[in-house]
Amino acid sequence: MKRSILAMGALLGLSLLPAGAADDRVLQNLHGSVSWLTNDNAAPHQVAPSAAVVLSDDDVAETGANSMGQIALADSSRILIGSNSVLKLDSFSQEQVAKAHFVLFLGKMRFVVEHPAGAKANYTFTTPTGEIAVRGTQGDVSVDPLDGVRVNVYGLSDPALPVEIAMIDGSHYSVQGGQKIWMRWIDGKLIAKVTALTKAELDRFSEFGMPAHIDGGVPAP
């Protein structure tokens, strides 16, 4: 019944958020074509522009060309979903530590993991090359079958808590604010390299706008 009500609201262009939605996960259509899939194998549900729906565990958000969606979490964190992207919300829970697990199958996303003073967060983003563990920062991720996986890290809320990358080949990398990592397959081997953030890497995610803060400042052109 909840799904039927939310789907009807999306079709009517309404933002129908039931009581208690502030403690939930809300998918918003910022512009363009945004839809979500449930685990019942039904057809995608369209979210009208400026409308919002509440997601459940295992729901998948999809965007079309020239589109953008946003998932707002109860701990004040936000996930922006770029054009032509597919992102699954595996799970979210909020107790003493806000825990979330997403899977980015394709496209681009920006994570803004933040939380009230004194709270903690533990976010994991799974990609084809490995898992990205985030404790409190802003960054971008892209997944492309030909280009591989790219991760930009902007500003850390705590310098002692960098973004941690656990690749599927068993290797691990730490990425600080103002750095990037590029992971891709070359001749059957998974290659990764952490380097300083560049203007070119910022430009890859220009649809999200400039980050609120970049440790070390904006890189020169």
C-alpha atoms as a PDB file:
ATOM      1  CA  MET A   1       0.000   0.000   0.000  1.00  0.00           C
ATOM      2  CA  LYS A   2       2.828   2.421   0.851  1.00  0.00           C
ATOM      3  CA  ARG A   3       4.354   1.827  -2.597  1.00  0.00           C
ATOM      4  CA  SER A   4       1.021   2.510  -4.330  1.00  0.00           C
ATOM      5  CA  ILE A   5       0.553   5.784  -2.474  1.00  0.00           C
ATOM      6  CA  LEU A   6       4.096   6.936  -3.176  1.00  0.00           C
ATOM      7  CA  ALA A   7       3.894   5.977  -6.840  1.00  0.00           C
ATOM      8  CA  MET A   8       0.611   7.890  -7.205  1.00  0.00           C
ATOM      9  CA  GLY A   9       2.200  10.912  -5.574  1.00  0.00           C
ATOM     10  CA  ALA A  10       5.148  10.741  -7.971  1.00  0.00           C
ATOM     11  CA  LEU A  11       2.810  10.600 -10.964  1.00  0.00           C
ATOM     12  CA  LEU A  12       0.908  13.629  -9.682  1.00  0.00           C
ATOM     13  CA  GLY A  13       4.142  15.554  -9.095  1.00  0.00           C
ATOM     14  CA  LEU A  14       3.631  15.613  -5.332  1.00  0.00           C
ATOM     15  CA  SER A  15       6.238  15.225  -2.625  1.00  0.00           C
ATOM     16  CA  LEU A  16       4.497  12.614  -0.492  1.00  0.00           C
ATOM     17  CA  LEU A  17       6.565  11.821   2.570  1.00  0.00           C
ATOM     18  CA  PRO A  18       4.710   9.791   5.171  1.00  0.00           C
ATOM     19  CA  ALA A  19       4.944  10.443   8.900  1.00  0.00           C
ATOM     20  CA  GLY A  20       8.369   9.423  10.138  1.00  0.00           C
ATOM     21  CA  ALA A  21      10.008  10.005   6.747  1.00  0.00           C
ATOM     22  CA  ALA A  22      12.597  12.229   8.440  1.00  0.00           C
ATOM     23  CA  ASP A  23      14.046   9.001   9.849  1.00  0.00           C
ATOM     24  CA  ASP A  24      14.132   7.393   6.420  1.00  0.00           C
ATOM     25  CA  ARG A  25      15.872   7.562   3.043  1.00  0.00           C
ATOM     26  CA  VAL A  26      14.283   9.925   0.546  1.00  0.00           C
ATOM     27  CA  LEU A  27      14.875   9.879  -3.224  1.00  0.00           C
ATOM     28  CA  GLN A  28      14.230  13.250  -4.869  1.00  0.00           C
ATOM     29  CA  ASN A  29      14.028  14.152  -8.537  1.00  0.00           C
ATOM     30  CA  LEU A  30      16.098  17.327  -8.879  1.00  0.00           C
ATOM     31  CA  HIS A  31      15.550  17.453 -12.640  1.00  0.00           C
ATOM     32  CA  GLY A  32      15.039  15.243 -15.678  1.00  0.00           C
ATOM     33  CA  SER A  33      14.187  11.540 -15.580  1.00  0.00           C
ATOM     34  CA  VAL A  34      14.526   9.772 -12.222  1.00  0.00           C
ATOM     35  CA  SER A  35      13.009   6.394 -11.364  1.00  0.00           C
ATOM     36  CA  TRP A  36      13.315   3.658  -8.776  1.00  0.00           C
ATOM     37  CA  LEU A  37      13.039  -0.115  -8.890  1.00  0.00           C
ATOM     38  CA  THR A  38      11.868  -2.313  -6.038  1.00  0.00           C
ATOM     39  CA  ASN A  39      12.981  -5.886  -5.441  1.00  0.00           C
ATOM     40  CA  ASP A  40       9.637  -7.270  -6.619  1.00  0.00           C
ATOM     41  CA  ASN A  41      10.797  -7.165 -10.272  1.00  0.00           C
ATOM     42  CA  ALA A  42       8.056  -4.683 -11.170  1.00  0.00           C
ATOM     43  CA  ALA A  43       8.549  -2.020 -13.838  1.00  0.00           C
ATOM     44  CA  PRO A  44      10.452   1.133 -12.808  1.00  0.00           C
ATOM     45  CA  HIS A  45       8.425   3.772 -10.946  1.00  0.00           C
ATOM     46  CA  GLN A  46       8.935   7.293 -12.278  1.00  0.00           C
ATOM     47  CA  VAL A  47       9.501  10.144  -9.852  1.00  0.00           C
ATOM     48  CA  ALA A  48       8.073  13.384 -11.202  1.00  0.00           C
ATOM     49  CA  PRO A  49      10.247  16.530 -11.213  1.00  0.00           C
ATOM     50  CA  SER A  50      10.509  18.054  -7.724  1.00  0.00           C
ATOM     51  CA  ALA A  51       8.757  15.003  -6.240  1.00  0.00           C
ATOM     52  CA  ALA A  52      10.212  12.660  -3.625  1.00  0.00           C
ATOM     53  CA  VAL A  53       9.642   9.066  -2.476  1.00  0.00           C
ATOM     54  CA  VAL A  54      10.877   6.978   0.445  1.00  0.00           C
ATOM     55  CA  LEU A  55      13.244   4.139  -0.468  1.00  0.00           C
ATOM     56  CA  SER A  56      13.565   0.735   1.170  1.00  0.00           C
ATOM     57  CA  ASP A  57      16.590  -1.544   1.432  1.00  0.00           C
ATOM     58  CA  ASP A  58      17.521  -3.067  -1.960  1.00  0.00           C
ATOM     59  CA  ASP A  59      15.740  -0.360  -3.983  1.00  0.00           C
ATOM     60  CA  VAL A  60      17.600   0.886  -7.073  1.00  0.00           C
ATOM     61  CA  ALA A  61      17.590   4.487  -8.311  1.00  0.00           C
ATOM     62  CA  GLU A  62      18.124   5.230 -12.007  1.00  0.00           C
ATOM     63  CA  THR A  63      18.562   8.472 -13.939  1.00  0.00           C
ATOM     64  CA  GLY A  64      18.293   9.314 -17.617  1.00  0.00           C
ATOM     65  CA  ALA A  65      20.230  11.739 -19.793  1.00  0.00           C
ATOM     66  CA  ASN A  66      20.571  15.303 -18.471  1.00  0.00           C
ATOM     67  CA  SER A  67      19.031  14.229 -15.173  1.00  0.00           C
ATOM     68  CA  MET A  68      19.897  14.314 -11.496  1.00  0.00           C
ATOM     69  CA  GLY A  69      18.503  12.669  -8.386  1.00  0.00           C
ATOM     70  CA  GLN A  70      19.361  12.919  -4.721  1.00  0.00           C
ATOM     71  CA  ILE A  71      19.070  10.490  -1.828  1.00  0.00           C
ATOM     72  CA  ALA A  72      18.792  12.314   1.494  1.00  0.00           C
ATOM     73  CA  LEU A  73      19.577  10.261   4.606  1.00  0.00           C
ATOM     74  CA  ALA A  74      18.389  10.787   8.170  1.00  0.00           C
ATOM     75  CA  ASP A  75      21.888  11.668   9.427  1.00  0.00           C
ATOM     76  CA  SER A  76      21.982  14.725   7.116  1.00  0.00           C
ATOM     77  CA  SER A  77      24.154  12.951   4.527  1.00  0.00           C
ATOM     78  CA  ARG A  78      23.279  13.265   0.833  1.00  0.00           C
ATOM     79  CA  ILE A  79      24.032  11.288  -2.304  1.00  0.00           C
ATOM     80  CA  LEU A  80      23.699  13.095  -5.634  1.00  0.00           C
ATOM     81  CA  ILE A  81      23.101  10.823  -8.631  1.00  0.00           C
ATOM     82  CA  GLY A  82      24.331  12.093 -12.009  1.00  0.00           C
ATOM     83  CA  SER A  83      22.977  11.488 -15.501  1.00  0.00           C
ATOM     84  CA  ASN A  84      22.674   7.937 -16.897  1.00  0.00           C
ATOM     85  CA  SER A  85      23.485   6.342 -13.540  1.00  0.00           C
ATOM     86  CA  VAL A  86      22.319   3.292 -11.604  1.00  0.00           C
ATOM     87  CA  LEU A  87      22.715   3.276  -7.807  1.00  0.00           C
ATOM     88  CA  LYS A  88      21.383   0.689  -5.352  1.00  0.00           C
ATOM     89  CA  LEU A  89      20.645   1.389  -1.699  1.00  0.00           C
ATOM     90  CA  ASP A  90      21.586  -1.895  -0.065  1.00  0.00           C
ATOM     91  CA  SER A  91      20.904  -0.780   3.485  1.00  0.00           C
ATOM     92  CA  PHE A  92      20.754   2.162   5.870  1.00  0.00           C
ATOM     93  CA  SER A  93      20.462   2.273   9.644  1.00  0.00           C
ATOM     94  CA  GLN A  94      21.007   4.999  12.206  1.00  0.00           C
ATOM     95  CA  GLU A  95      21.900   4.236  15.794  1.00  0.00           C
ATOM     96  CA  GLN A  96      25.049   5.487  17.540  1.00  0.00           C
ATOM     97  CA  VAL A  97      26.772   5.117  14.172  1.00  0.00           C
ATOM     98  CA  ALA A  98      24.927   5.828  10.913  1.00  0.00           C
ATOM     99  CA  LYS A  99      25.653   2.925   8.572  1.00  0.00           C
ATOM    100  CA  ALA A 100      24.873   2.820   4.868  1.00  0.00           C
ATOM    101  CA  HIS A 101      25.823   0.554   1.981  1.00  0.00           C
ATOM    102  CA  PHE A 102      25.357   1.574  -1.643  1.00  0.00           C
ATOM    103  CA  VAL A 103      26.290  -0.123  -4.923  1.00  0.00           C
ATOM    104  CA  LEU A 104      27.167   2.085  -7.910  1.00  0.00           C
ATOM    105  CA  PHE A 105      26.683  -0.063 -11.004  1.00  0.00           C
ATOM    106  CA  LEU A 106      27.118   2.657 -13.594  1.00  0.00           C
ATOM    107  CA  GLY A 107      27.500   6.415 -13.915  1.00  0.00           C
ATOM    108  CA  LYS A 108      28.429   9.137 -11.438  1.00  0.00           C
ATOM    109  CA  MET A 109      27.557  10.100  -7.895  1.00  0.00           C
ATOM    110  CA  ARG A 110      28.634  12.640  -5.292  1.00  0.00           C
ATOM    111  CA  PHE A 111      28.644  11.695  -1.629  1.00  0.00           C
ATOM    112  CA  VAL A 112      28.352  14.290   1.125  1.00  0.00           C
ATOM    113  CA  VAL A 113      28.667  12.279   4.319  1.00  0.00           C
ATOM    114  CA  GLU A 114      28.057  14.515   7.302  1.00  0.00           C
ATOM    115  CA  HIS A 115      26.343  14.147  10.623  1.00  0.00           C
ATOM    116  CA  PRO A 116      25.368  16.140  13.719  1.00  0.00           C
ATOM    117  CA  ALA A 117      28.131  17.076  16.145  1.00  0.00           C
ATOM    118  CA  GLY A 118      29.277  14.099  18.172  1.00  0.00           C
ATOM    119  CA  ALA A 119      27.702  11.536  15.844  1.00  0.00           C
ATOM    120  CA  LYS A 120      29.595   9.089  13.646  1.00  0.00           C
ATOM    121  CA  ALA A 121      29.081   7.671  10.157  1.00  0.00           C
ATOM    122  CA  ASN A 122      30.171   4.530   8.360  1.00  0.00           C
ATOM    123  CA  TYR A 123      29.316   4.555   4.652  1.00  0.00           C
ATOM    124  CA  THR A 124      30.428   1.968   2.087  1.00  0.00           C
ATOM    125  CA  PHE A 125      30.128   2.303  -1.678  1.00  0.00           C
ATOM    126  CA  THR A 126      30.688  -0.863  -3.705  1.00  0.00           C
ATOM    127  CA  THR A 127      31.995  -0.560  -7.283  1.00  0.00           C
ATOM    128  CA  PRO A 128      33.206  -3.133  -9.842  1.00  0.00           C
ATOM    129  CA  THR A 129      36.805  -2.678  -8.626  1.00  0.00           C
ATOM    130  CA  GLY A 130      36.248  -2.700  -4.871  1.00  0.00           C
ATOM    131  CA  GLU A 131      34.714  -0.964  -1.878  1.00  0.00           C
ATOM    132  CA  ILE A 132      35.026   2.669  -0.812  1.00  0.00           C
ATOM    133  CA  ALA A 133      34.727   3.326   2.931  1.00  0.00           C
ATOM    134  CA  VAL A 134      33.764   6.867   3.964  1.00  0.00           C
ATOM    135  CA  ARG A 135      33.599   8.217   7.518  1.00  0.00           C
ATOM    136  CA  GLY A 136      32.904  11.891   6.876  1.00  0.00           C
ATOM    137  CA  THR A 137      33.807  13.772   3.716  1.00  0.00           C
ATOM    138  CA  GLN A 138      32.700  14.971   0.322  1.00  0.00           C
ATOM    139  CA  GLY A 139      33.739  13.272  -2.892  1.00  0.00           C
ATOM    140  CA  ASP A 140      32.763  11.984  -6.323  1.00  0.00           C
ATOM    141  CA  VAL A 141      32.745   8.496  -7.848  1.00  0.00           C
ATOM    142  CA  SER A 142      32.400   7.430 -11.476  1.00  0.00           C
ATOM    143  CA  VAL A 143      31.963   3.927 -12.889  1.00  0.00           C
ATOM    144  CA  ASP A 144      32.486   3.407 -16.615  1.00  0.00           C
ATOM    145  CA  PRO A 145      32.977   0.004 -18.329  1.00  0.00           C
ATOM    146  CA  LEU A 146      35.778   1.404 -20.498  1.00  0.00           C
ATOM    147  CA  ASP A 147      37.364   4.010 -18.215  1.00  0.00           C
ATOM    148  CA  GLY A 148      37.211   2.090 -14.927  1.00  0.00           C
ATOM    149  CA  VAL A 149      36.458   3.616 -11.517  1.00  0.00           C
ATOM    150  CA  ARG A 150      37.527   7.097 -10.433  1.00  0.00           C
ATOM    151  CA  VAL A 151      37.194   8.574  -6.947  1.00  0.00           C
ATOM    152  CA  ASN A 152      37.804  12.218  -6.036  1.00  0.00           C
ATOM    153  CA  VAL A 153      38.099  13.101  -2.341  1.00  0.00           C
ATOM    154  CA  TYR A 154      37.623  16.754  -1.408  1.00  0.00           C
ATOM    155  CA  GLY A 155      37.523  17.724   2.274  1.00  0.00           C
ATOM    156  CA  LEU A 156      37.773  15.320   5.213  1.00  0.00           C
ATOM    157  CA  SER A 157      35.860  16.091   8.410  1.00  0.00           C
ATOM    158  CA  ASP A 158      38.751  14.436  10.289  1.00  0.00           C
ATOM    159  CA  PRO A 159      42.245  14.193   8.706  1.00  0.00           C
ATOM    160  CA  ALA A 160      42.780  10.979  10.666  1.00  0.00           C
ATOM    161  CA  LEU A 161      39.866   9.345   8.805  1.00  0.00           C
ATOM    162  CA  PRO A 162      40.757   9.230   5.103  1.00  0.00           C
ATOM    163  CA  VAL A 163      38.652   7.436   2.506  1.00  0.00           C
ATOM    164  CA  GLU A 164      39.714   3.786   2.471  1.00  0.00           C
ATOM    165  CA  ILE A 165      39.688   1.717  -0.725  1.00  0.00           C
ATOM    166  CA  ALA A 166      39.636  -2.102  -0.529  1.00  0.00           C
ATOM    167  CA  MET A 167      40.109  -3.451  -4.054  1.00  0.00           C
ATOM    168  CA  ILE A 168      38.873  -6.849  -5.197  1.00  0.00           C
ATOM    169  CA  ASP A 169      42.474  -8.028  -5.714  1.00  0.00           C
ATOM    170  CA  GLY A 170      43.169  -7.598  -1.981  1.00  0.00           C
ATOM    171  CA  SER A 171      45.122  -4.337  -2.195  1.00  0.00           C
ATOM    172  CA  HIS A 172      44.249  -1.316  -0.037  1.00  0.00           C
ATOM    173  CA  TYR A 173      44.655   2.426  -0.517  1.00  0.00           C
ATOM    174  CA  SER A 174      44.028   5.493   1.645  1.00  0.00           C
ATOM    175  CA  VAL A 175      42.889   8.683  -0.088  1.00  0.00           C
ATOM    176  CA  GLN A 176      43.181  12.047   1.680  1.00  0.00           C
ATOM    177  CA  GLY A 177      41.306  15.257   0.962  1.00  0.00           C
ATOM    178  CA  GLY A 178      42.635  16.858  -2.233  1.00  0.00           C
ATOM    179  CA  GLN A 179      43.553  13.483  -3.738  1.00  0.00           C
ATOM    180  CA  LYS A 180      42.089  11.107  -6.312  1.00  0.00           C
ATOM    181  CA  ILE A 181      42.383   7.452  -7.202  1.00  0.00           C
ATOM    182  CA  TRP A 182      41.864   5.834 -10.610  1.00  0.00           C
ATOM    183  CA  MET A 183      41.250   2.069 -10.752  1.00  0.00           C
ATOM    184  CA  ARG A 184      41.122   0.172 -14.034  1.00  0.00           C
ATOM    185  CA  TRP A 185      41.986  -3.120 -15.709  1.00  0.00           C
ATOM    186  CA  ILE A 186      45.088  -3.144 -17.927  1.00  0.00           C
ATOM    187  CA  ASP A 187      46.114  -6.399 -19.655  1.00  0.00           C
ATOM    188  CA  GLY A 188      44.086  -8.433 -17.202  1.00  0.00           C
ATOM    189  CA  LYS A 189      45.577  -6.733 -14.115  1.00  0.00           C
ATOM    190  CA  LEU A 190      43.789  -4.310 -11.803  1.00  0.00           C
ATOM    191  CA  ILE A 191      45.828  -1.099 -11.597  1.00  0.00           C
ATOM    192  CA  ALA A 192      45.284   1.766  -9.146  1.00  0.00           C
ATOM    193  CA  LYS A 193      47.130   4.989  -8.410  1.00  0.00           C
ATOM    194  CA  VAL A 194      46.581   7.746  -5.849  1.00  0.00           C
ATOM    195  CA  THR A 195      47.650  11.229  -6.983  1.00  0.00           C
ATOM    196  CA  ALA A 196      46.882  14.859  -6.222  1.00  0.00           C
ATOM    197  CA  LEU A 197      43.517  16.115  -7.411  1.00  0.00           C
ATOM    198  CA  THR A 198      43.626  17.914 -10.757  1.00  0.00           C
ATOM    199  CA  LYS A 199      41.361  20.439 -12.468  1.00  0.00           C
ATOM    200  CA  ALA A 200      40.660  17.829 -15.141  1.00  0.00           C
ATOM    201  CA  GLU A 201      39.310  15.434 -12.515  1.00  0.00           C
ATOM    202  CA  LEU A 202      37.091  18.179 -11.088  1.00  0.00           C
ATOM    203  CA  ASP A 203      35.740  18.861 -14.573  1.00  0.00           C
ATOM    204  CA  ARG A 204      34.649  15.216 -14.955  1.00  0.00           C
ATOM    205  CA  PHE A 205      32.018  15.867 -12.307  1.00  0.00           C
ATOM    206  CA  SER A 206      31.058  19.405 -13.308  1.00  0.00           C
ATOM    207  CA  GLU A 207      27.339  18.489 -13.429  1.00  0.00           C
ATOM    208  CA  PHE A 208      27.387  18.447  -9.607  1.00  0.00           C
ATOM    209  CA  GLY A 209      28.925  21.913  -9.336  1.00  0.00           C
ATOM    210  CA  MET A 210      31.998  22.878  -7.347  1.00  0.00           C
ATOM    211  CA  PRO A 211      32.567  21.042  -4.039  1.00  0.00           C
ATOM    212  CA  ALA A 212      31.885  23.063  -0.918  1.00  0.00           C
ATOM    213  CA  HIS A 213      35.508  22.675   0.198  1.00  0.00           C
ATOM    214  CA  ILE A 214      38.705  21.143  -1.182  1.00  0.00           C
ATOM    215  CA  ASP A 215      41.569  20.438   1.215  1.00  0.00           C
ATOM    216  CA  GLY A 216      44.590  22.356  -0.085  1.00  0.00           C
ATOM    217  CA  GLY A 217      42.406  24.595  -2.264  1.00  0.00           C
ATOM    218  CA  VAL A 218      41.160  24.285  -5.825  1.00  0.00           C
ATOM    219  CA  PRO A 219      43.862  22.812  -8.099  1.00  0.00           C
ATOM    220  CA  ALA A 220      45.277  25.111 -10.751  1.00  0.00           C
ATOM    221  CA  PRO A 221      44.274  24.487 -14.408  1.00  0.00           C
END
